[in-house]
Structures are given as C-alpha cells and as structure tokens.
Amino acid sequence: MENGQFVKTEPYKIDENNTIDVYFLDYEPWLTQNQMAKVLGIKKTAVSIIINDIYSKKELDKNLTSKRVTEDGVERTFYSLGLINAVCFKVNQERAEKFRDWADEQIFKKEDEYAELREWADLLRQLFELAIQGNQDAYKKMTFYFDKAFNIAKIVKNANARANEKE
C-alpha cells in the first residue's frame, strides 16, 4: 500500500445481502456518506445532517477528516474514521458498533504489517551502516534480508494482482 493513496480492501459485510467496498488511506478506513448510510441503516440525508452539524460545531476539522477523490471520472468525498466514529456515536446503534469493531480489527492488522516492515527497515539500516564500515558479515546478512524482502514483495504483488482480477 502506498502512503497517501486510497486502496480498496476486502468488502465489509453489512448483513447477509449487503456489502460495501471500504477504502483505506494508509491504515485508516474511509467511507463516503452513502456508505455510512448503508452501514448504519439510515438515510444519506441523515448522515449529511449529522456531518454538517459536526463541522458547524467545530467538533472536527473538515480539512483533516474529509478528502475529495476522483476515480474513473467520478468525484466523491471520503470521510476519515474519526468522523465515521463521530457519526456512529450520534446514531448509537448496534450496526454502528459492529462497524467500529470491524474497523478496529482492520487497523490492528495494518499496524501489525507496518510494525514488521518498520522492524525490517531498522534492521536493514543498521546492517547497511555496518556494511559501509567494511563489516562483511553485516553485508551478507543485509543481502539475505534484501533477498527475503524481495521475495515477499513478489508474493504480495502477485496476490494483489489476483485480487484485482477478481474485481
């Protein structure tokens, strides 16, 4: 996942017959007003009224919690998890809680992935510093980890390609 870009993930299952595609920016889920309405089982106009109320009372900063995105020539506004949670809190129902639980689970998964990548990056930086100083053992370890990282990247790339083919 590239930083600063929206990435579609596995669909969120609202109920037996309804799912929505959730987009993530970095590790945080973002939804449109239509998606929030579907998740919460309320009308889009109700979601819009709640969002406008949140912004008018300056409970959240619109510039930090909403982003306009153009995809396939269609412009949509996505809202951050912070705003989604604020809307859920005001609606306060079982469906809102179910989505918050799902979103938390997704974030923990993403944070675990990032934590592992950060650990690898830190290790590679340390090995690189040692290799620059002429430490041959560090150079060999660094090469091993780069090869391993490259193989993992190929596996992830192939998995993403298969997932995109299914869409």
Foldseek 3Di string as FASTA:
>chain_A
DDAPDWDWDDWDDLDPPDTDTWIDHQQWTKAFLVVLCSLLVHDSVLSVVQLVVCVVVPVDPCVVFWDWDADPNDITIIGTPVSSLSSCVVSVDPSSVVVVVVRVVSSVVSVVVVVVVVVLVVLLVVLVVVVVVPDVVSVVVNVVSVVVVVVVVVVVVVVVVVVVVVD
